[in-house]
Amino acid sequence: MKKIFYVIILSLLVGCAVMPRPREVLHFNYDFREYSEQGFFISPNPYIGEYKPLGLIKIEVFPGQVKELNNESENKLDTPYISKNSTFYVDEEIRTDELLDILVKQAKNMGANGIVNFKAYEDFIVSFHKGVKYSRFEKYRLEGFAIFRNN
């Protein structure tokens, strides 16, 4: 009887084990070439030439949530809360070129033809639920100093 009890307990413990999360590598590439070709200067460094300072510029973008339908035969999110043919909400994906477009548009509205001291941040929220780590983007932040370069 003790053996059956230990087998049941052991099977319950093994069945409830949390699978380790595989490595995840996130890449954030901010490509300035499109703006350079249009004569708009963006750099993470100060500008050495002559310029007129216009002001600090900063944007924060909070991802919205979009509805998805799980029509996979298997649970693609590997969570017991989402079954086949169920709908759920996920954070929208925001591309870095979208973020740059917003920042450059704001700078141009100030009369700028360049942004120096450019910085980009991706802020995460990390939480734990039943021993499983969940992380998601809270917001994206871009900032810099808007200038008008004297060519």
N, C-alpha and C. Protein backbone atom coordinates (compact mmCIF):
# COMPACT_ATOMS: atom_id res chain seq x y z
N MET A 1 0.81 -1.18 0.00
CA MET A 1 0.00 0.00 0.00
C MET A 1 0.87 1.26 0.00
N LYS A 2 1.99 1.21 0.77
CA LYS A 2 2.89 2.36 0.80
C LYS A 2 3.49 2.61 -0.57
N LYS A 3 3.80 1.54 -1.30
CA LYS A 3 4.40 1.69 -2.62
C LYS A 3 3.43 2.39 -3.57
N ILE A 4 2.18 2.01 -3.52
CA ILE A 4 1.16 2.65 -4.38
C ILE A 4 1.04 4.13 -4.02
N PHE A 5 1.07 4.42 -2.72
CA PHE A 5 0.98 5.81 -2.27
C PHE A 5 2.15 6.63 -2.81
N TYR A 6 3.38 6.09 -2.72
CA TYR A 6 4.56 6.79 -3.22
C TYR A 6 4.53 6.96 -4.73
N VAL A 7 4.03 5.96 -5.44
CA VAL A 7 3.92 6.06 -6.90
C VAL A 7 2.94 7.16 -7.27
N ILE A 8 1.82 7.24 -6.57
CA ILE A 8 0.83 8.27 -6.85
C ILE A 8 1.41 9.66 -6.56
N ILE A 9 2.06 9.80 -5.43
CA ILE A 9 2.66 11.10 -5.06
C ILE A 9 3.74 11.48 -6.08
N LEU A 10 4.59 10.54 -6.45
CA LEU A 10 5.65 10.80 -7.40
C LEU A 10 5.08 11.22 -8.76
N SER A 11 4.04 10.52 -9.22
CA SER A 11 3.44 10.87 -10.51
C SER A 11 2.79 12.25 -10.47
N LEU A 12 2.21 12.62 -9.35
CA LEU A 12 1.62 13.96 -9.21
C LEU A 12 2.70 15.03 -9.25
N LEU A 13 3.82 14.78 -8.59
CA LEU A 13 4.90 15.76 -8.58
C LEU A 13 5.53 15.92 -9.95
N VAL A 14 5.73 14.83 -10.65
CA VAL A 14 6.33 14.89 -11.98
C VAL A 14 5.35 15.55 -12.96
N GLY A 15 4.09 15.25 -12.86
CA GLY A 15 3.08 15.81 -13.75
C GLY A 15 2.89 17.30 -13.56
N CYS A 16 3.19 17.83 -12.38
CA CYS A 16 3.00 19.25 -12.09
C CYS A 16 4.29 20.04 -12.25
N ALA A 17 5.34 19.41 -12.72
CA ALA A 17 6.61 20.12 -12.85
C ALA A 17 6.51 21.19 -13.93
N VAL A 18 7.13 22.32 -13.67
CA VAL A 18 7.14 23.43 -14.62
C VAL A 18 8.27 23.21 -15.61
N MET A 19 7.94 23.32 -16.88
CA MET A 19 8.95 23.17 -17.92
C MET A 19 9.81 24.43 -17.95
N PRO A 20 11.12 24.28 -18.00
CA PRO A 20 11.96 25.48 -18.05
C PRO A 20 11.74 26.23 -19.36
N ARG A 21 11.81 27.52 -19.28
CA ARG A 21 11.61 28.37 -20.45
C ARG A 21 12.89 28.38 -21.28
N PRO A 22 12.79 28.20 -22.58
CA PRO A 22 13.99 28.25 -23.41
C PRO A 22 14.52 29.68 -23.53
N ARG A 23 15.75 29.79 -23.95
CA ARG A 23 16.37 31.10 -24.14
C ARG A 23 15.59 31.89 -25.19
N GLU A 24 15.45 33.15 -24.94
CA GLU A 24 14.77 34.03 -25.89
C GLU A 24 15.67 35.23 -26.13
N VAL A 25 16.00 35.48 -27.37
CA VAL A 25 16.85 36.62 -27.73
C VAL A 25 16.00 37.62 -28.49
N LEU A 26 15.93 38.82 -27.97
CA LEU A 26 15.16 39.89 -28.62
C LEU A 26 16.13 40.84 -29.30
N HIS A 27 15.81 41.23 -30.52
CA HIS A 27 16.65 42.17 -31.27
C HIS A 27 15.87 43.44 -31.53
N PHE A 28 16.49 44.57 -31.23
CA PHE A 28 15.89 45.86 -31.52
C PHE A 28 16.89 46.64 -32.37
N ASN A 29 16.61 46.74 -33.65
CA ASN A 29 17.48 47.45 -34.56
C ASN A 29 16.79 48.72 -35.02
N TYR A 30 17.43 49.85 -34.76
CA TYR A 30 16.90 51.13 -35.21
C TYR A 30 17.73 51.56 -36.41
N ASP A 31 17.13 51.51 -37.57
CA ASP A 31 17.82 51.78 -38.83
C ASP A 31 17.55 53.23 -39.24
N PHE A 32 18.60 54.04 -39.28
CA PHE A 32 18.47 55.46 -39.59
C PHE A 32 18.65 55.78 -41.07
N ARG A 33 18.96 54.79 -41.91
CA ARG A 33 19.31 55.05 -43.31
C ARG A 33 18.22 55.79 -44.08
N GLU A 34 16.97 55.39 -43.89
CA GLU A 34 15.87 56.03 -44.62
C GLU A 34 15.83 57.54 -44.34
N TYR A 35 16.07 57.91 -43.09
CA TYR A 35 16.03 59.32 -42.71
C TYR A 35 17.27 60.06 -43.21
N SER A 36 18.43 59.40 -43.19
CA SER A 36 19.65 60.01 -43.72
C SER A 36 19.51 60.34 -45.20
N GLU A 37 18.88 59.42 -45.94
CA GLU A 37 18.67 59.65 -47.37
C GLU A 37 17.75 60.83 -47.64
N GLN A 38 16.90 61.16 -46.66
CA GLN A 38 16.00 62.30 -46.79
C GLN A 38 16.62 63.58 -46.22
N GLY A 39 17.86 63.49 -45.74
CA GLY A 39 18.53 64.65 -45.18
C GLY A 39 18.27 64.89 -43.70
N PHE A 40 17.63 63.93 -43.05
CA PHE A 40 17.35 64.06 -41.62
C PHE A 40 18.42 63.29 -40.87
N PHE A 41 19.10 63.94 -39.93
CA PHE A 41 20.23 63.37 -39.21
C PHE A 41 19.78 62.81 -37.87
N ILE A 42 20.13 61.55 -37.57
CA ILE A 42 19.87 60.94 -36.26
C ILE A 42 21.15 60.29 -35.78
N SER A 43 21.51 60.58 -34.53
CA SER A 43 22.74 60.00 -33.97
C SER A 43 22.61 59.86 -32.45
N PRO A 44 23.21 58.80 -31.90
CA PRO A 44 23.24 58.67 -30.44
C PRO A 44 24.30 59.59 -29.81
N ASN A 45 25.06 60.28 -30.65
CA ASN A 45 26.15 61.15 -30.19
C ASN A 45 25.78 62.62 -30.36
N PRO A 46 26.52 63.50 -29.69
CA PRO A 46 26.30 64.94 -29.91
C PRO A 46 26.70 65.32 -31.34
N TYR A 47 26.16 66.44 -31.83
CA TYR A 47 26.48 66.93 -33.17
C TYR A 47 27.61 67.94 -33.04
N ILE A 48 28.64 67.83 -33.89
CA ILE A 48 29.81 68.69 -33.76
C ILE A 48 29.73 69.94 -34.63
N GLY A 49 28.92 69.91 -35.66
CA GLY A 49 28.80 71.07 -36.54
C GLY A 49 27.94 72.16 -35.93
N GLU A 50 27.71 73.20 -36.73
CA GLU A 50 26.87 74.30 -36.27
C GLU A 50 25.40 73.90 -36.36
N TYR A 51 24.65 74.25 -35.33
CA TYR A 51 23.22 73.92 -35.30
C TYR A 51 22.48 74.88 -34.38
N LYS A 52 21.17 74.90 -34.58
CA LYS A 52 20.29 75.66 -33.70
C LYS A 52 19.57 74.65 -32.80
N PRO A 53 19.72 74.78 -31.46
CA PRO A 53 19.03 73.85 -30.57
C PRO A 53 17.53 74.15 -30.53
N LEU A 54 16.72 73.11 -30.65
CA LEU A 54 15.27 73.29 -30.64
C LEU A 54 14.61 72.75 -29.38
N GLY A 55 15.12 71.70 -28.81
CA GLY A 55 14.55 71.21 -27.57
C GLY A 55 14.60 69.70 -27.45
N LEU A 56 14.34 69.26 -26.24
CA LEU A 56 14.28 67.82 -25.96
C LEU A 56 12.99 67.26 -26.52
N ILE A 57 13.07 66.04 -26.99
CA ILE A 57 11.88 65.36 -27.52
C ILE A 57 11.87 63.95 -26.97
N LYS A 58 10.68 63.52 -26.55
CA LYS A 58 10.55 62.20 -25.95
C LYS A 58 9.17 61.67 -26.30
N ILE A 59 9.12 60.39 -26.69
CA ILE A 59 7.82 59.74 -26.93
C ILE A 59 7.76 58.46 -26.10
N GLU A 60 6.57 58.11 -25.68
CA GLU A 60 6.31 56.84 -25.01
C GLU A 60 5.14 56.19 -25.73
N VAL A 61 5.31 54.95 -26.13
CA VAL A 61 4.26 54.22 -26.83
C VAL A 61 3.93 52.97 -26.02
N PHE A 62 2.65 52.88 -25.64
CA PHE A 62 2.17 51.73 -24.88
C PHE A 62 1.45 50.79 -25.85
N PRO A 63 1.88 49.54 -25.95
CA PRO A 63 1.21 48.61 -26.87
C PRO A 63 -0.25 48.40 -26.49
N GLY A 64 -1.11 48.39 -27.50
CA GLY A 64 -2.50 48.04 -27.29
C GLY A 64 -2.65 46.53 -27.31
N GLN A 65 -3.84 46.06 -27.08
CA GLN A 65 -4.07 44.63 -27.13
C GLN A 65 -4.96 44.30 -28.32
N VAL A 66 -4.64 43.20 -28.98
CA VAL A 66 -5.40 42.74 -30.13
C VAL A 66 -5.94 41.35 -29.85
N LYS A 67 -7.09 41.07 -30.44
CA LYS A 67 -7.75 39.78 -30.22
C LYS A 67 -7.17 38.76 -31.21
N GLU A 68 -6.89 37.57 -30.73
CA GLU A 68 -6.43 36.48 -31.58
C GLU A 68 -7.31 35.26 -31.35
N LEU A 69 -7.40 34.45 -32.37
CA LEU A 69 -8.15 33.20 -32.27
C LEU A 69 -7.16 32.05 -32.30
N ASN A 70 -7.25 31.17 -31.33
CA ASN A 70 -6.37 30.00 -31.29
C ASN A 70 -7.08 28.88 -32.04
N ASN A 71 -6.74 28.73 -33.33
CA ASN A 71 -7.34 27.65 -34.10
C ASN A 71 -6.34 26.52 -34.36
N GLU A 72 -5.25 26.55 -33.61
CA GLU A 72 -4.25 25.49 -33.72
C GLU A 72 -4.78 24.23 -33.05
N SER A 73 -4.33 23.08 -33.54
CA SER A 73 -4.76 21.84 -32.88
C SER A 73 -4.10 21.70 -31.52
N GLU A 74 -2.92 22.34 -31.38
CA GLU A 74 -2.24 22.34 -30.09
C GLU A 74 -2.24 23.75 -29.54
N ASN A 75 -2.04 23.86 -28.28
CA ASN A 75 -2.02 25.15 -27.61
C ASN A 75 -0.69 25.82 -27.87
N LYS A 76 -0.67 26.85 -28.74
CA LYS A 76 0.59 27.47 -29.12
C LYS A 76 1.22 28.30 -28.01
N LEU A 77 0.44 28.72 -27.04
CA LEU A 77 0.99 29.49 -25.93
C LEU A 77 1.36 28.62 -24.75
N ASP A 78 1.12 27.33 -24.85
CA ASP A 78 1.49 26.37 -23.81
C ASP A 78 0.95 26.76 -22.44
N THR A 79 -0.31 27.14 -22.41
CA THR A 79 -0.95 27.47 -21.15
C THR A 79 -2.29 26.76 -21.07
N PRO A 80 -2.66 26.28 -19.92
CA PRO A 80 -3.93 25.53 -19.81
C PRO A 80 -5.16 26.42 -19.94
N TYR A 81 -4.99 27.74 -19.96
CA TYR A 81 -6.12 28.64 -19.98
C TYR A 81 -6.66 28.92 -21.38
N ILE A 82 -5.94 28.49 -22.41
CA ILE A 82 -6.36 28.77 -23.78
C ILE A 82 -6.58 27.45 -24.50
N SER A 83 -7.79 27.22 -24.92
CA SER A 83 -8.11 25.98 -25.62
C SER A 83 -8.31 26.26 -27.11
N LYS A 84 -8.42 25.18 -27.88
CA LYS A 84 -8.61 25.31 -29.32
C LYS A 84 -9.90 26.09 -29.61
N ASN A 85 -9.84 26.94 -30.65
CA ASN A 85 -10.96 27.77 -31.10
C ASN A 85 -11.41 28.79 -30.04
N SER A 86 -10.53 29.16 -29.14
CA SER A 86 -10.87 30.19 -28.17
C SER A 86 -10.19 31.49 -28.57
N THR A 87 -10.75 32.60 -28.16
CA THR A 87 -10.13 33.90 -28.43
C THR A 87 -9.44 34.39 -27.17
N PHE A 88 -8.40 35.15 -27.38
CA PHE A 88 -7.63 35.72 -26.29
C PHE A 88 -6.99 37.00 -26.77
N TYR A 89 -6.47 37.79 -25.86
CA TYR A 89 -5.84 39.06 -26.20
C TYR A 89 -4.34 38.98 -25.99
N VAL A 90 -3.60 39.57 -26.92
CA VAL A 90 -2.15 39.65 -26.82
C VAL A 90 -1.75 41.10 -27.10
N ASP A 91 -0.56 41.48 -26.64
CA ASP A 91 -0.07 42.82 -26.92
C ASP A 91 0.28 42.94 -28.39
N GLU A 92 -0.08 44.07 -28.98
CA GLU A 92 0.26 44.29 -30.38
C GLU A 92 1.78 44.38 -30.55
N GLU A 93 2.24 44.01 -31.70
CA GLU A 93 3.66 44.10 -32.00
C GLU A 93 3.93 45.46 -32.62
N ILE A 94 4.88 46.18 -32.06
CA ILE A 94 5.23 47.50 -32.58
C ILE A 94 6.65 47.42 -33.12
N ARG A 95 6.81 47.75 -34.39
CA ARG A 95 8.12 47.68 -35.03
C ARG A 95 8.93 48.95 -34.71
N THR A 96 10.25 48.82 -34.72
CA THR A 96 11.11 49.96 -34.41
C THR A 96 10.98 51.07 -35.46
N ASP A 97 10.70 50.72 -36.72
CA ASP A 97 10.54 51.78 -37.73
C ASP A 97 9.28 52.60 -37.46
N GLU A 98 8.24 52.00 -36.89
CA GLU A 98 7.04 52.75 -36.50
C GLU A 98 7.39 53.76 -35.41
N LEU A 99 8.18 53.32 -34.43
CA LEU A 99 8.58 54.20 -33.34
C LEU A 99 9.41 55.37 -33.85
N LEU A 100 10.37 55.08 -34.74
CA LEU A 100 11.19 56.14 -35.31
C LEU A 100 10.35 57.12 -36.12
N ASP A 101 9.38 56.63 -36.86
CA ASP A 101 8.50 57.51 -37.64
C ASP A 101 7.79 58.51 -36.73
N ILE A 102 7.30 58.04 -35.59
CA ILE A 102 6.60 58.91 -34.64
C ILE A 102 7.56 59.98 -34.11
N LEU A 103 8.77 59.56 -33.72
CA LEU A 103 9.74 60.50 -33.16
C LEU A 103 10.16 61.54 -34.19
N VAL A 104 10.46 61.11 -35.41
CA VAL A 104 10.91 62.03 -36.45
C VAL A 104 9.79 63.00 -36.82
N LYS A 105 8.57 62.52 -36.88
CA LYS A 105 7.45 63.41 -37.19
C LYS A 105 7.33 64.51 -36.13
N GLN A 106 7.46 64.14 -34.86
CA GLN A 106 7.41 65.13 -33.79
C GLN A 106 8.55 66.14 -33.91
N ALA A 107 9.75 65.65 -34.23
CA ALA A 107 10.90 66.54 -34.38
C ALA A 107 10.71 67.50 -35.55
N LYS A 108 10.19 66.98 -36.67
CA LYS A 108 9.95 67.84 -37.84
C LYS A 108 8.90 68.90 -37.53
N ASN A 109 7.91 68.55 -36.70
CA ASN A 109 6.90 69.54 -36.30
C ASN A 109 7.51 70.68 -35.49
N MET A 110 8.65 70.43 -34.87
CA MET A 110 9.36 71.47 -34.13
C MET A 110 10.28 72.27 -35.05
N GLY A 111 10.41 71.84 -36.31
CA GLY A 111 11.31 72.51 -37.25
C GLY A 111 12.69 71.89 -37.31
N ALA A 112 12.84 70.69 -36.79
CA ALA A 112 14.16 70.03 -36.73
C ALA A 112 14.49 69.31 -38.03
N ASN A 113 15.78 69.22 -38.30
CA ASN A 113 16.27 68.35 -39.38
C ASN A 113 17.29 67.36 -38.83
N GLY A 114 17.24 67.16 -37.51
CA GLY A 114 18.12 66.20 -36.88
C GLY A 114 17.74 65.94 -35.43
N ILE A 115 18.14 64.77 -34.96
CA ILE A 115 17.98 64.39 -33.55
C ILE A 115 19.32 63.83 -33.08
N VAL A 116 19.87 64.42 -32.03
CA VAL A 116 21.13 63.93 -31.48
C VAL A 116 20.87 63.40 -30.07
N ASN A 117 21.86 62.73 -29.54
CA ASN A 117 21.75 62.09 -28.22
C ASN A 117 20.54 61.15 -28.19
N PHE A 118 20.33 60.45 -29.30
CA PHE A 118 19.20 59.53 -29.43
C PHE A 118 19.36 58.37 -28.46
N LYS A 119 18.25 58.04 -27.78
CA LYS A 119 18.23 56.88 -26.87
C LYS A 119 16.90 56.16 -27.06
N ALA A 120 16.94 54.84 -26.92
CA ALA A 120 15.72 54.02 -27.04
C ALA A 120 15.69 53.05 -25.87
N TYR A 121 14.50 52.90 -25.29
CA TYR A 121 14.30 52.00 -24.15
C TYR A 121 13.07 51.13 -24.41
N GLU A 122 13.16 49.90 -23.99
CA GLU A 122 12.04 48.97 -24.04
C GLU A 122 11.79 48.52 -22.61
N ASP A 123 10.68 48.95 -22.03
CA ASP A 123 10.38 48.64 -20.63
C ASP A 123 9.49 47.41 -20.54
N PHE A 124 9.90 46.46 -19.70
CA PHE A 124 9.19 45.21 -19.51
C PHE A 124 8.46 45.19 -18.18
N ILE A 125 7.40 44.40 -18.13
CA ILE A 125 6.76 44.02 -16.87
C ILE A 125 6.98 42.52 -16.73
N VAL A 126 7.49 42.11 -15.60
CA VAL A 126 7.72 40.69 -15.36
C VAL A 126 6.84 40.27 -14.18
N SER A 127 6.13 39.17 -14.35
CA SER A 127 5.29 38.65 -13.27
C SER A 127 5.41 37.14 -13.23
N PHE A 128 5.01 36.58 -12.11
CA PHE A 128 5.05 35.13 -11.93
C PHE A 128 3.65 34.65 -11.58
N HIS A 129 3.26 33.54 -12.19
CA HIS A 129 1.97 32.93 -11.88
C HIS A 129 2.18 31.43 -11.78
N LYS A 130 1.97 30.89 -10.60
CA LYS A 130 2.13 29.46 -10.34
C LYS A 130 3.51 28.96 -10.79
N GLY A 131 4.53 29.75 -10.48
CA GLY A 131 5.90 29.35 -10.77
C GLY A 131 6.34 29.60 -12.20
N VAL A 132 5.49 30.18 -13.03
CA VAL A 132 5.85 30.44 -14.43
C VAL A 132 6.09 31.95 -14.59
N LYS A 133 7.19 32.29 -15.22
CA LYS A 133 7.55 33.69 -15.44
C LYS A 133 6.90 34.20 -16.72
N TYR A 134 6.19 35.31 -16.62
CA TYR A 134 5.58 35.96 -17.78
C TYR A 134 6.19 37.35 -17.91
N SER A 135 6.53 37.72 -19.12
CA SER A 135 7.04 39.08 -19.32
C SER A 135 6.37 39.65 -20.57
N ARG A 136 6.16 40.96 -20.54
CA ARG A 136 5.57 41.64 -21.68
C ARG A 136 6.07 43.07 -21.68
N PHE A 137 5.96 43.71 -22.84
CA PHE A 137 6.38 45.10 -22.94
C PHE A 137 5.34 45.99 -22.28
N GLU A 138 5.80 46.86 -21.41
CA GLU A 138 4.89 47.86 -20.85
C GLU A 138 4.83 49.05 -21.79
N LYS A 139 6.03 49.52 -22.20
CA LYS A 139 6.07 50.67 -23.11
C LYS A 139 7.41 50.75 -23.80
N TYR A 140 7.42 51.50 -24.88
CA TYR A 140 8.64 51.83 -25.62
C TYR A 140 8.87 53.32 -25.43
N ARG A 141 10.13 53.70 -25.17
CA ARG A 141 10.47 55.12 -25.01
C ARG A 141 11.61 55.48 -25.94
N LEU A 142 11.45 56.56 -26.66
CA LEU A 142 12.51 57.10 -27.51
C LEU A 142 12.68 58.56 -27.13
N GLU A 143 13.93 59.01 -27.11
CA GLU A 143 14.19 60.40 -26.78
C GLU A 143 15.46 60.88 -27.44
N GLY A 144 15.57 62.18 -27.52
CA GLY A 144 16.75 62.81 -28.09
C GLY A 144 16.63 64.32 -28.01
N PHE A 145 17.58 65.00 -28.63
CA PHE A 145 17.61 66.45 -28.64
C PHE A 145 17.41 66.90 -30.09
N ALA A 146 16.32 67.62 -30.33
CA ALA A 146 15.98 68.08 -31.69
C ALA A 146 16.84 69.30 -32.03
N ILE A 147 17.43 69.27 -33.24
CA ILE A 147 18.27 70.38 -33.69
C ILE A 147 17.92 70.74 -35.13
N PHE A 148 18.31 71.96 -35.51
CA PHE A 148 18.28 72.35 -36.93
C PHE A 148 19.73 72.58 -37.32
N ARG A 149 20.24 71.71 -38.21
CA ARG A 149 21.63 71.78 -38.65
C ARG A 149 21.79 72.88 -39.69
N ASN A 150 22.82 73.69 -39.52
CA ASN A 150 23.18 74.70 -40.52
C ASN A 150 24.13 74.06 -41.53
N ASN A 151 23.61 73.75 -42.68
CA ASN A 151 24.43 73.04 -43.68
C ASN A 151 25.42 73.93 -44.34
